[in-house]
Structure formats: structure tokens, C-alpha cells
Amino acid sequence: MPQLKQSAKRLRQSKKCAARNKQVKDGLDYLLRQFRKSINVKDKSKAEEWSRKLIKTIDKAAKRNIYKKNNAARKKSRMMKK
């Protein structure tokens, strides 16, 4: 338990931030699962649709520093190989 007022505030802030980041990452995981599922079913139009959504979301996450720039680029690159 924090002793100082400012450390208690930092703890509150970091919990909020972590919850927000987790929500974004969980959404990305869902999109990635849907993308992989559409690839396995060989549904090209669905796969393209999911890939556009996934790329957009990865870029937003990188912009908000949820993922680092190179991490986001690597995820997009690996996804597009499939």
C-alpha cells in the first residue's frame, strides 16, 4: 500500500491505464482470431475485411504507445505473410 499521496495517485492511474491497454489488446486478439479463422476456411473476402480492421487497430495501438512501433510493424508483417 502506498504511503505517499502522490504514489497512491500513480497507482490509481497505472491501474486505469493497464485496464485500458488490456481492453485494446484483447480486442486485437479477437480480430486476429477472426482473421486466422477466415484464412483457414479459405474465405478470401472475409480475410481481407478482417485484415483491414486488424491493421487499423494495430496502427492505433502503436500510435497510443500500447505497442511499440517495431512490434506493431512486425505483427502486421507476419499477418500479411499468411
C-alpha atoms as a PDB file:
ATOM      1  CA  MET A   1       0.000   0.000   0.000  1.00  0.00           C
ATOM      2  CA  PRO A   2       1.437   3.405  -0.964  1.00  0.00           C
ATOM      3  CA  GLN A   3       2.439   5.682   1.869  1.00  0.00           C
ATOM      4  CA  LEU A   4       2.504   8.963  -0.024  1.00  0.00           C
ATOM      5  CA  LYS A   5      -0.392  10.763  -1.624  1.00  0.00           C
ATOM      6  CA  GLN A   6       1.354  11.010  -4.993  1.00  0.00           C
ATOM      7  CA  SER A   7       2.244   7.328  -5.069  1.00  0.00           C
ATOM      8  CA  ALA A   8      -1.372   6.423  -4.312  1.00  0.00           C
ATOM      9  CA  LYS A   9      -2.435   8.586  -7.258  1.00  0.00           C
ATOM     10  CA  ARG A  10       0.171   6.956  -9.527  1.00  0.00           C
ATOM     11  CA  LEU A  11      -1.153   3.538  -8.517  1.00  0.00           C
ATOM     12  CA  ARG A  12      -4.705   4.578  -9.418  1.00  0.00           C
ATOM     13  CA  GLN A  13      -3.527   5.973 -12.741  1.00  0.00           C
ATOM     14  CA  SER A  14      -1.475   2.917 -13.641  1.00  0.00           C
ATOM     15  CA  LYS A  15      -4.408   0.598 -12.872  1.00  0.00           C
ATOM     16  CA  LYS A  16      -6.673   2.625 -15.174  1.00  0.00           C
ATOM     17  CA  CYS A  17      -4.038   2.695 -17.895  1.00  0.00           C
ATOM     18  CA  ALA A  18      -3.381  -1.050 -17.618  1.00  0.00           C
ATOM     19  CA  ALA A  19      -7.115  -1.781 -17.848  1.00  0.00           C
ATOM     20  CA  ARG A  20      -7.420   0.417 -20.942  1.00  0.00           C
ATOM     21  CA  ASN A  21      -4.404  -1.242 -22.587  1.00  0.00           C
ATOM     22  CA  LYS A  22      -5.733  -4.714 -21.776  1.00  0.00           C
ATOM     23  CA  GLN A  23      -9.044  -3.882 -23.418  1.00  0.00           C
ATOM     24  CA  VAL A  24      -7.274  -2.807 -26.621  1.00  0.00           C
ATOM     25  CA  LYS A  25      -5.022  -5.886 -26.641  1.00  0.00           C
ATOM     26  CA  ASP A  26      -7.980  -8.207 -26.067  1.00  0.00           C
ATOM     27  CA  GLY A  27      -9.762  -6.583 -28.997  1.00  0.00           C
ATOM     28  CA  LEU A  28      -6.689  -7.179 -31.147  1.00  0.00           C
ATOM     29  CA  ASP A  29      -6.599 -10.822 -30.097  1.00  0.00           C
ATOM     30  CA  TYR A  30     -10.239 -11.200 -31.128  1.00  0.00           C
ATOM     31  CA  LEU A  31      -9.572  -9.630 -34.538  1.00  0.00           C
ATOM     32  CA  LEU A  32      -6.532 -11.844 -35.050  1.00  0.00           C
ATOM     33  CA  ARG A  33      -8.540 -14.979 -34.194  1.00  0.00           C
ATOM     34  CA  GLN A  34     -11.254 -13.987 -36.677  1.00  0.00           C
ATOM     35  CA  PHE A  35      -8.638 -13.292 -39.341  1.00  0.00           C
ATOM     36  CA  ARG A  36      -6.983 -16.690 -38.836  1.00  0.00           C
ATOM     37  CA  LYS A  37     -10.375 -18.411 -38.850  1.00  0.00           C
ATOM     38  CA  SER A  38     -11.299 -16.825 -42.188  1.00  0.00           C
ATOM     39  CA  ILE A  39      -7.937 -17.901 -43.646  1.00  0.00           C
ATOM     40  CA  ASN A  40      -8.462 -21.495 -42.506  1.00  0.00           C
ATOM     41  CA  VAL A  41     -11.924 -21.543 -44.107  1.00  0.00           C
ATOM     42  CA  LYS A  42     -10.373 -20.087 -47.316  1.00  0.00           C
ATOM     43  CA  ASP A  43     -12.790 -17.149 -47.338  1.00  0.00           C
ATOM     44  CA  LYS A  44     -10.679 -14.517 -49.079  1.00  0.00           C
ATOM     45  CA  SER A  45     -13.156 -11.621 -48.894  1.00  0.00           C
ATOM     46  CA  LYS A  46     -13.676 -12.094 -45.147  1.00  0.00           C
ATOM     47  CA  ALA A  47      -9.921 -12.396 -44.609  1.00  0.00           C
ATOM     48  CA  GLU A  48      -9.325  -9.107 -46.424  1.00  0.00           C
ATOM     49  CA  GLU A  49     -12.020  -7.418 -44.368  1.00  0.00           C
ATOM     50  CA  TRP A  50     -10.571  -8.692 -41.073  1.00  0.00           C
ATOM     51  CA  SER A  51      -7.034  -7.788 -42.150  1.00  0.00           C
ATOM     52  CA  ARG A  52      -8.068  -4.171 -42.841  1.00  0.00           C
ATOM     53  CA  LYS A  53      -9.699  -3.916 -39.411  1.00  0.00           C
ATOM     54  CA  LEU A  54      -6.694  -5.562 -37.775  1.00  0.00           C
ATOM     55  CA  ILE A  55      -4.149  -3.268 -39.440  1.00  0.00           C
ATOM     56  CA  LYS A  56      -6.171  -0.206 -38.498  1.00  0.00           C
ATOM     57  CA  THR A  57      -6.391  -1.323 -34.874  1.00  0.00           C
ATOM     58  CA  ILE A  58      -2.680  -2.222 -34.679  1.00  0.00           C
ATOM     59  CA  ASP A  59      -1.769   1.215 -36.052  1.00  0.00           C
ATOM     60  CA  LYS A  60      -3.995   2.923 -33.493  1.00  0.00           C
ATOM     61  CA  ALA A  61      -2.456   0.869 -30.682  1.00  0.00           C
ATOM     62  CA  ALA A  62       1.043   1.813 -31.870  1.00  0.00           C
ATOM     63  CA  LYS A  63       0.039   5.463 -32.054  1.00  0.00           C
ATOM     64  CA  ARG A  64      -1.175   5.355 -28.440  1.00  0.00           C
ATOM     65  CA  ASN A  65       2.006   3.557 -27.292  1.00  0.00           C
ATOM     66  CA  ILE A  66       0.209   0.346 -26.366  1.00  0.00           C
ATOM     67  CA  TYR A  67       2.567  -1.426 -28.761  1.00  0.00           C
ATOM     68  CA  LYS A  68       5.962  -0.112 -29.755  1.00  0.00           C
ATOM     69  CA  LYS A  69       6.387   0.933 -33.371  1.00  0.00           C
ATOM     70  CA  ASN A  70       8.557  -2.023 -34.429  1.00  0.00           C
ATOM     71  CA  ASN A  71       6.359  -4.510 -32.576  1.00  0.00           C
ATOM     72  CA  ALA A  72       3.326  -3.238 -34.492  1.00  0.00           C
ATOM     73  CA  ALA A  73       5.215  -3.421 -37.785  1.00  0.00           C
ATOM     74  CA  ARG A  74       6.307  -6.989 -37.037  1.00  0.00           C
ATOM     75  CA  LYS A  75       2.744  -8.055 -36.196  1.00  0.00           C
ATOM     76  CA  LYS A  76       1.417  -6.556 -39.448  1.00  0.00           C
ATOM     77  CA  SER A  77       4.202  -8.118 -41.480  1.00  0.00           C
ATOM     78  CA  ARG A  78       3.649 -11.589 -40.058  1.00  0.00           C
ATOM     79  CA  MET A  79      -0.085 -11.272 -40.555  1.00  0.00           C
ATOM     80  CA  MET A  80       0.281 -10.280 -44.219  1.00  0.00           C
ATOM     81  CA  LYS A  81       2.548 -13.267 -44.921  1.00  0.00           C
ATOM     82  CA  LYS A  82      -0.451 -15.507 -44.321  1.00  0.00           C
END
